[in-house]
Amino acid sequence: MKIKKNYDIFLSYTSTNIDNAKKLALYLSNNGFDVWFDSWNLIAGDNLETTITTAIRESEIILVFVDSNLLSSYTMRDIEIAIQYNKKILPVFEKNVKVFDLPNRLQLYQNIFIDYNNLDMFLNKLRTIDENFNIKYLLKNGQKEYYIGQYLKALEYSMRALEIQHKVLGEEHPSVATSYNNLASIYQATGDYNKALEYSMRALEIQHKVLGEEHPSVATSYNNLASIYDARGDLSKALEFLKKSLQIQVAIGDKSGECTTRFNIGHIYFENDEKEKALKSWKKVYAIATEIDYAQALEALEGLANGLGLEGGLVAWAEINIS
C-alpha cells in the first residue's frame, strides 16, 4: 500500500462513470491538485478496505459522483468512511439527476452540478464552496507563475490567498507564515530585498510564537533570510542566520536539513574568499550525506567537485585533506 499524505481530493464513483471520473481526475491533476483516483493509486495486492480508508482519511474533500444509476455499494462505503472521519463530502451530478433522487443522507450536503465540457466552471464552483480549496488553488497557481518567472501574477495569486487565510485561519497560523515566506521568495526574485526581508521576518515572528524557537520551519525561515541577505551582498548577515538554522537542525537531529545549511554556509565562505572554511564545510556535508544516504546532497557535492576542478568527482570529498 502506498498512500501519499494530504491528498486534496478523493474521487468516489460508480463503475459506469469511470470515464468521466478519469476526465475530472486528469483535469484537477493538471491544475496542480493531488487527486486520489483508484485507477492511479491502487496497487495489486493492496488490502482494498485499508487502502480506501487511509486514502479518505488523508484527503481534504471527497467528491462523490452520482449518475443515473445513483450510488453503488462502493460509493456508499466511501461515504460512510468519510462521515466517520468528518470529511467534507460533495455530491457531483449531471443534469439528468435530481437532488431529491439522492439518498436522504446525501441530500444534506451541498452539491455541485458538473458539465464535462466546461470543467473550468466546475472548478470555480468548487472554489466558491470551499475556502480552503480556494486557498490551495491560489497558492498552487502562484507557485506555478513563480516558477515560470511571472512574478507579478505570482504576487497577485499569493496575496489573494493570504487575504483568505487571514479570514479563515487568523493572523498567527503556521500556514500564514508559509505564505509570508512564499511572498518573500517572490519579492527576492524581483530584486525587492526590503520587501522580501519584511515578509520573511513576519513569517519568523509567527513561527517563534506558534511553533517555538527550535522547530524545523524556524530553521527553514533562517535559511530563507540568509538567502535574501546573500542576494543583497550582506554575507555576514547571511552567515549569521545560517548558523542559527544550523544550531536548530543539530539540536533536533535534522540531518538532511543540516546538509543543506552546511552546504549554503560553504558557499558564503567561498564568496567571502575563505576557501579553506568552505571546503571544510562541504567535506562535513559529504560525511553526513554519506551516513544517511542523502542522494540530493551527494549529487550536489559531485557537481560542486567538478565545478571546482577537484579530481575524482564525489570521491574527492573523502580524499581532500583539510586541517
Protein backbone atom coordinates (compact mmCIF):
# COMPACT_ATOMS: atom_id res chain seq x y z
CA MET A 1 0.00 0.00 0.00
CA LYS A 2 1.34 3.41 -0.99
CA ILE A 3 -0.59 6.34 0.46
CA LYS A 4 0.53 9.88 -0.12
CA LYS A 5 -0.33 12.13 2.80
CA ASN A 6 -2.76 15.00 2.45
CA TYR A 7 -4.50 14.47 -0.87
CA ASP A 8 -6.61 17.41 -1.94
CA ILE A 9 -9.40 15.31 -3.42
CA PHE A 10 -10.64 11.71 -3.23
CA LEU A 11 -12.84 10.62 -6.13
CA SER A 12 -15.64 8.17 -5.38
CA TYR A 13 -17.62 6.94 -8.39
CA THR A 14 -19.63 4.07 -9.85
CA SER A 15 -18.09 1.78 -12.48
CA THR A 16 -20.41 3.23 -15.15
CA ASN A 17 -18.90 6.67 -14.53
CA ILE A 18 -15.22 5.77 -14.74
CA ASP A 19 -14.56 7.70 -17.98
CA ASN A 20 -16.00 10.93 -16.58
CA ALA A 21 -14.22 10.40 -13.26
CA LYS A 22 -10.91 9.93 -15.06
CA LYS A 23 -11.52 13.07 -17.13
CA LEU A 24 -12.08 15.11 -13.97
CA ALA A 25 -9.11 13.48 -12.22
CA LEU A 26 -6.82 14.45 -15.12
CA TYR A 27 -8.21 17.99 -15.20
CA LEU A 28 -7.73 18.55 -11.47
CA SER A 29 -4.27 16.96 -11.53
CA ASN A 30 -3.22 19.17 -14.46
CA ASN A 31 -4.34 22.16 -12.39
CA GLY A 32 -1.91 21.20 -9.64
CA PHE A 33 -4.15 19.27 -7.24
CA ASP A 34 -3.24 15.96 -5.62
CA VAL A 35 -6.04 13.59 -6.54
CA TRP A 36 -6.66 10.11 -5.18
CA PHE A 37 -8.13 8.09 -8.07
CA ASP A 38 -8.22 4.34 -7.60
CA SER A 39 -7.02 3.53 -11.14
CA TRP A 40 -3.87 5.54 -10.37
CA ASN A 41 -3.31 4.71 -6.74
CA LEU A 42 -4.41 1.16 -6.05
CA ILE A 43 -1.58 -1.37 -6.30
CA ALA A 44 -2.01 -5.09 -6.89
CA GLY A 45 -2.02 -6.88 -3.57
CA ASP A 46 -3.30 -3.90 -1.57
CA ASN A 47 -5.91 -4.54 1.09
CA LEU A 48 -8.80 -2.66 -0.51
CA GLU A 49 -10.64 -1.63 2.65
CA THR A 50 -7.49 -0.48 4.45
CA THR A 51 -6.20 1.43 1.43
CA ILE A 52 -9.51 3.19 0.76
CA THR A 53 -9.98 4.07 4.43
CA THR A 54 -6.48 5.54 4.69
CA ALA A 55 -6.87 7.48 1.44
CA ILE A 56 -10.16 9.03 2.55
CA ARG A 57 -8.73 9.86 5.97
CA GLU A 58 -5.79 11.65 4.33
CA SER A 59 -7.91 13.58 1.77
CA GLU A 60 -9.43 17.02 2.25
CA ILE A 61 -12.52 16.72 0.05
CA ILE A 62 -14.50 13.64 -1.00
CA LEU A 63 -16.20 14.10 -4.37
CA VAL A 64 -18.98 11.54 -4.82
CA PHE A 65 -20.12 11.02 -8.43
CA VAL A 66 -23.85 10.45 -8.76
CA ASP A 67 -25.09 9.32 -12.17
CA SER A 68 -28.38 7.95 -13.46
CA ASN A 69 -27.63 4.71 -11.59
CA LEU A 70 -27.32 6.75 -8.40
CA LEU A 71 -24.95 5.10 -5.91
CA SER A 72 -23.24 1.73 -5.78
CA SER A 73 -22.34 -0.18 -2.64
CA TYR A 74 -18.76 1.07 -3.13
CA THR A 75 -19.68 4.75 -3.16
CA MET A 76 -21.94 4.18 -0.14
CA ARG A 77 -18.94 2.62 1.61
CA ASP A 78 -16.81 5.65 0.76
CA ILE A 79 -19.49 7.98 2.14
CA GLU A 80 -19.70 6.04 5.42
CA ILE A 81 -15.91 6.21 5.84
CA ALA A 82 -15.88 9.94 5.02
CA ILE A 83 -18.60 10.60 7.60
CA GLN A 84 -16.65 8.58 10.19
CA TYR A 85 -13.63 10.87 9.70
CA ASN A 86 -15.73 14.04 9.45
CA LYS A 87 -14.62 14.78 5.89
CA LYS A 88 -16.16 17.34 3.56
CA ILE A 89 -18.43 15.42 1.17
CA LEU A 90 -19.62 16.98 -2.08
CA PRO A 91 -22.04 15.05 -4.33
CA VAL A 92 -21.28 15.69 -8.01
CA PHE A 93 -24.03 15.06 -10.54
CA GLU A 94 -25.12 15.80 -14.09
CA LYS A 95 -28.33 17.49 -15.15
CA ASN A 96 -30.18 14.19 -15.58
CA VAL A 97 -30.00 13.57 -11.82
CA LYS A 98 -32.33 15.46 -9.49
CA VAL A 99 -31.35 16.41 -5.97
CA PHE A 100 -34.45 14.74 -4.50
CA ASP A 101 -33.35 11.47 -6.17
CA LEU A 102 -30.29 11.37 -3.95
CA PRO A 103 -30.24 9.15 -0.86
CA ASN A 104 -31.56 11.10 2.14
CA ARG A 105 -28.11 11.33 3.71
CA LEU A 106 -26.60 12.97 0.61
CA GLN A 107 -29.41 15.50 0.34
CA LEU A 108 -27.98 17.13 3.46
CA TYR A 109 -24.78 18.11 1.66
CA GLN A 110 -24.11 20.99 -0.66
CA ASN A 111 -23.76 19.58 -4.16
CA ILE A 112 -22.15 20.57 -7.44
CA PHE A 113 -23.53 20.29 -10.95
CA ILE A 114 -20.89 19.23 -13.46
CA ASP A 115 -20.67 19.80 -17.21
CA TYR A 116 -17.80 17.71 -18.55
CA ASN A 117 -17.49 20.10 -21.48
CA ASN A 118 -16.84 23.03 -19.13
CA LEU A 119 -14.70 21.83 -16.23
CA ASP A 120 -13.40 25.34 -15.59
CA MET A 121 -16.89 26.27 -14.39
CA PHE A 122 -16.88 23.23 -12.09
CA LEU A 123 -13.52 24.24 -10.60
CA ASN A 124 -14.70 27.80 -9.99
CA LYS A 125 -17.82 26.49 -8.27
CA LEU A 126 -15.70 24.24 -6.07
CA ARG A 127 -13.58 27.23 -5.12
CA THR A 128 -16.63 29.21 -4.02
CA ILE A 129 -17.94 26.31 -1.92
CA ASP A 130 -14.72 25.55 -0.03
CA GLU A 131 -12.45 28.40 1.05
CA ASN A 132 -9.56 26.07 1.96
CA PHE A 133 -9.73 24.60 -1.53
CA ASN A 134 -9.72 28.11 -2.97
CA ILE A 135 -6.62 28.94 -0.91
CA LYS A 136 -4.84 25.89 -2.32
CA TYR A 137 -5.91 26.82 -5.84
CA LEU A 138 -4.50 30.33 -5.46
CA LEU A 139 -1.26 29.13 -3.83
CA LYS A 140 -0.67 26.46 -6.46
CA ASN A 141 -1.22 28.96 -9.28
CA GLY A 142 1.04 31.46 -7.54
CA GLN A 143 3.73 28.82 -7.31
CA LYS A 144 3.28 27.91 -10.98
CA GLU A 145 3.62 31.56 -12.07
CA TYR A 146 6.68 31.95 -9.82
CA TYR A 147 8.48 29.02 -11.44
CA ILE A 148 7.97 30.41 -14.94
CA GLY A 149 9.15 33.87 -13.91
CA GLN A 150 5.75 35.60 -13.95
CA TYR A 151 6.33 37.32 -10.63
CA LEU A 152 3.55 39.91 -10.79
CA LYS A 153 0.98 37.19 -11.40
CA ALA A 154 2.57 35.10 -8.65
CA LEU A 155 2.19 38.03 -6.25
CA GLU A 156 -1.44 38.53 -7.24
CA TYR A 157 -2.36 34.89 -6.56
CA SER A 158 -0.33 34.74 -3.34
CA MET A 159 -1.78 37.97 -1.95
CA ARG A 160 -5.33 36.79 -2.65
CA ALA A 161 -4.59 33.52 -0.88
CA LEU A 162 -3.13 35.38 2.10
CA GLU A 163 -6.21 37.56 2.38
CA ILE A 164 -8.45 34.48 2.64
CA GLN A 165 -6.06 32.78 5.06
CA HIS A 166 -6.26 35.77 7.39
CA LYS A 167 -10.04 35.49 7.34
CA VAL A 168 -10.22 31.68 7.70
CA LEU A 169 -7.16 30.87 9.81
CA GLY A 170 -6.38 34.11 11.61
CA GLU A 171 -3.25 36.26 11.66
CA GLU A 172 -0.98 33.84 13.52
CA HIS A 173 -1.28 30.45 11.83
CA PRO A 174 1.67 28.36 10.52
CA SER A 175 0.11 28.38 7.03
CA VAL A 176 0.08 32.18 7.10
CA ALA A 177 3.78 32.09 7.97
CA THR A 178 4.37 29.80 4.98
CA SER A 179 2.57 32.28 2.74
CA TYR A 180 4.72 35.11 4.07
CA ASN A 181 7.81 33.08 3.20
CA ASN A 182 6.42 32.44 -0.29
CA LEU A 183 5.87 36.17 -0.76
CA ALA A 184 9.41 36.81 0.46
CA SER A 185 10.73 34.46 -2.23
CA ILE A 186 8.75 36.26 -4.92
CA TYR A 187 9.96 39.68 -3.81
CA GLN A 188 13.52 38.37 -3.64
CA ALA A 189 13.20 37.14 -7.23
CA THR A 190 12.10 40.63 -8.31
CA GLY A 191 15.07 42.19 -6.53
CA ASP A 192 12.96 43.93 -3.87
CA TYR A 193 15.04 42.73 -0.92
CA ASN A 194 13.46 45.10 1.59
CA LYS A 195 10.01 43.64 0.93
CA ALA A 196 11.47 40.15 0.96
CA LEU A 197 13.00 40.75 4.39
CA GLU A 198 9.77 42.28 5.68
CA TYR A 199 7.70 39.22 4.81
CA SER A 200 10.36 36.74 5.88
CA MET A 201 10.59 38.41 9.29
CA ARG A 202 6.79 38.33 9.61
CA ALA A 203 6.90 34.59 8.97
CA LEU A 204 9.62 34.11 11.57
CA GLU A 205 7.69 36.10 14.16
CA ILE A 206 4.64 33.87 13.77
CA GLN A 207 6.71 30.69 13.85
CA HIS A 208 8.50 31.72 17.04
CA LYS A 209 5.17 32.45 18.71
CA VAL A 210 3.24 29.42 17.47
CA LEU A 211 5.87 26.72 16.88
CA GLY A 212 8.64 27.65 19.30
CA GLU A 213 12.30 28.51 18.89
CA GLU A 214 13.56 25.08 17.78
CA HIS A 215 11.19 23.99 15.03
CA PRO A 216 12.24 22.83 11.53
CA SER A 217 10.14 25.61 9.98
CA VAL A 218 12.07 28.20 12.01
CA ALA A 219 15.32 26.74 10.68
CA THR A 220 13.91 26.99 7.13
CA SER A 221 13.00 30.63 7.71
CA TYR A 222 16.53 31.37 8.90
CA ASN A 223 17.81 29.80 5.67
CA ASN A 224 15.41 31.98 3.68
CA LEU A 225 16.63 35.11 5.45
CA ALA A 226 20.22 34.08 4.77
CA SER A 227 19.39 33.74 1.08
CA ILE A 228 17.95 37.26 0.98
CA TYR A 229 20.95 38.78 2.75
CA ASP A 230 23.28 36.84 0.44
CA ALA A 231 21.43 38.18 -2.61
CA ARG A 232 21.84 41.76 -1.40
CA GLY A 233 25.53 41.16 -0.71
CA ASP A 234 25.46 41.14 3.11
CA LEU A 235 27.47 37.96 3.65
CA SER A 236 27.99 38.45 7.40
CA LYS A 237 24.22 38.62 7.99
CA ALA A 238 23.67 35.64 5.71
CA LEU A 239 26.20 33.62 7.70
CA GLU A 240 24.62 34.73 10.98
CA PHE A 241 21.21 33.34 10.01
CA LEU A 242 22.67 30.16 8.53
CA LYS A 243 24.42 29.45 11.82
CA LYS A 244 21.13 29.97 13.67
CA SER A 245 19.48 27.50 11.31
CA LEU A 246 22.30 25.01 11.79
CA GLN A 247 22.05 25.25 15.58
CA ILE A 248 18.39 24.21 15.44
CA GLN A 249 18.98 21.38 12.98
CA VAL A 250 21.82 19.90 15.04
CA ALA A 251 19.70 20.18 18.21
CA ILE A 252 16.70 18.35 16.73
CA GLY A 253 18.75 15.84 14.72
CA ASP A 254 17.62 17.06 11.29
CA LYS A 255 20.49 15.56 9.28
CA SER A 256 19.14 16.38 5.81
CA GLY A 257 18.45 19.97 6.86
CA GLU A 258 21.94 20.16 8.35
CA CYS A 259 23.37 19.09 4.98
CA THR A 260 21.51 21.88 3.20
CA THR A 261 22.58 24.53 5.68
CA ARG A 262 26.23 23.46 5.80
CA PHE A 263 26.25 23.42 2.00
CA ASN A 264 24.97 27.03 1.99
CA ILE A 265 27.47 28.03 4.66
CA GLY A 266 30.22 26.70 2.43
CA HIS A 267 29.04 28.94 -0.39
CA ILE A 268 29.06 32.00 1.87
CA TYR A 269 32.63 31.26 2.94
CA PHE A 270 33.60 30.72 -0.70
CA GLU A 271 32.01 34.03 -1.75
CA ASN A 272 33.94 35.71 1.07
CA ASP A 273 37.19 34.20 -0.25
CA GLU A 274 37.53 31.89 2.77
CA LYS A 275 38.11 28.81 0.65
CA GLU A 276 39.52 26.53 3.35
CA LYS A 277 36.47 27.11 5.55
CA ALA A 278 34.24 26.48 2.55
CA LEU A 279 35.93 23.18 1.74
CA LYS A 280 35.74 22.13 5.39
CA SER A 281 32.01 22.84 5.46
CA TRP A 282 31.39 20.88 2.25
CA LYS A 283 33.51 17.97 3.48
CA LYS A 284 31.27 17.82 6.56
CA VAL A 285 28.23 17.73 4.27
CA TYR A 286 29.80 14.78 2.47
CA ALA A 287 30.30 12.89 5.73
CA ILE A 288 26.70 13.43 6.88
CA ALA A 289 25.13 12.81 3.45
CA THR A 290 27.09 9.58 3.09
CA GLU A 291 25.98 8.47 6.55
CA ILE A 292 22.27 9.00 5.81
CA ASP A 293 22.48 8.23 2.07
CA TYR A 294 21.14 11.66 1.13
CA ALA A 295 21.21 11.38 -2.66
CA GLN A 296 20.31 15.01 -3.39
CA ALA A 297 23.20 16.35 -1.31
CA LEU A 298 25.65 13.83 -2.76
CA GLU A 299 24.61 14.78 -6.27
CA ALA A 300 25.11 18.48 -5.46
CA LEU A 301 28.55 17.74 -3.99
CA GLU A 302 29.57 15.82 -7.09
CA GLY A 303 28.58 18.75 -9.29
CA LEU A 304 30.41 21.13 -6.97
CA ALA A 305 33.58 19.00 -7.03
CA ASN A 306 33.54 19.00 -10.82
CA GLY A 307 32.94 22.75 -10.87
CA LEU A 308 35.89 23.33 -8.55
CA GLY A 309 38.11 21.07 -10.63
CA LEU A 310 38.63 18.51 -7.86
CA GLU A 311 39.84 15.18 -9.21
CA GLY A 312 37.63 12.16 -8.68
CA GLY A 313 34.27 13.92 -8.53
CA LEU A 314 32.31 12.90 -5.44
CA VAL A 315 35.15 10.78 -4.05
CA ALA A 316 37.30 13.92 -3.85
CA TRP A 317 35.42 15.00 -0.71
CA ALA A 318 36.54 11.86 1.09
CA GLU A 319 40.14 12.27 -0.01
CA ILE A 320 40.58 16.02 0.39
CA ASN A 321 42.89 16.92 3.27
CA ILE A 322 41.77 19.91 5.31
CA SER A 323 43.40 20.91 8.58
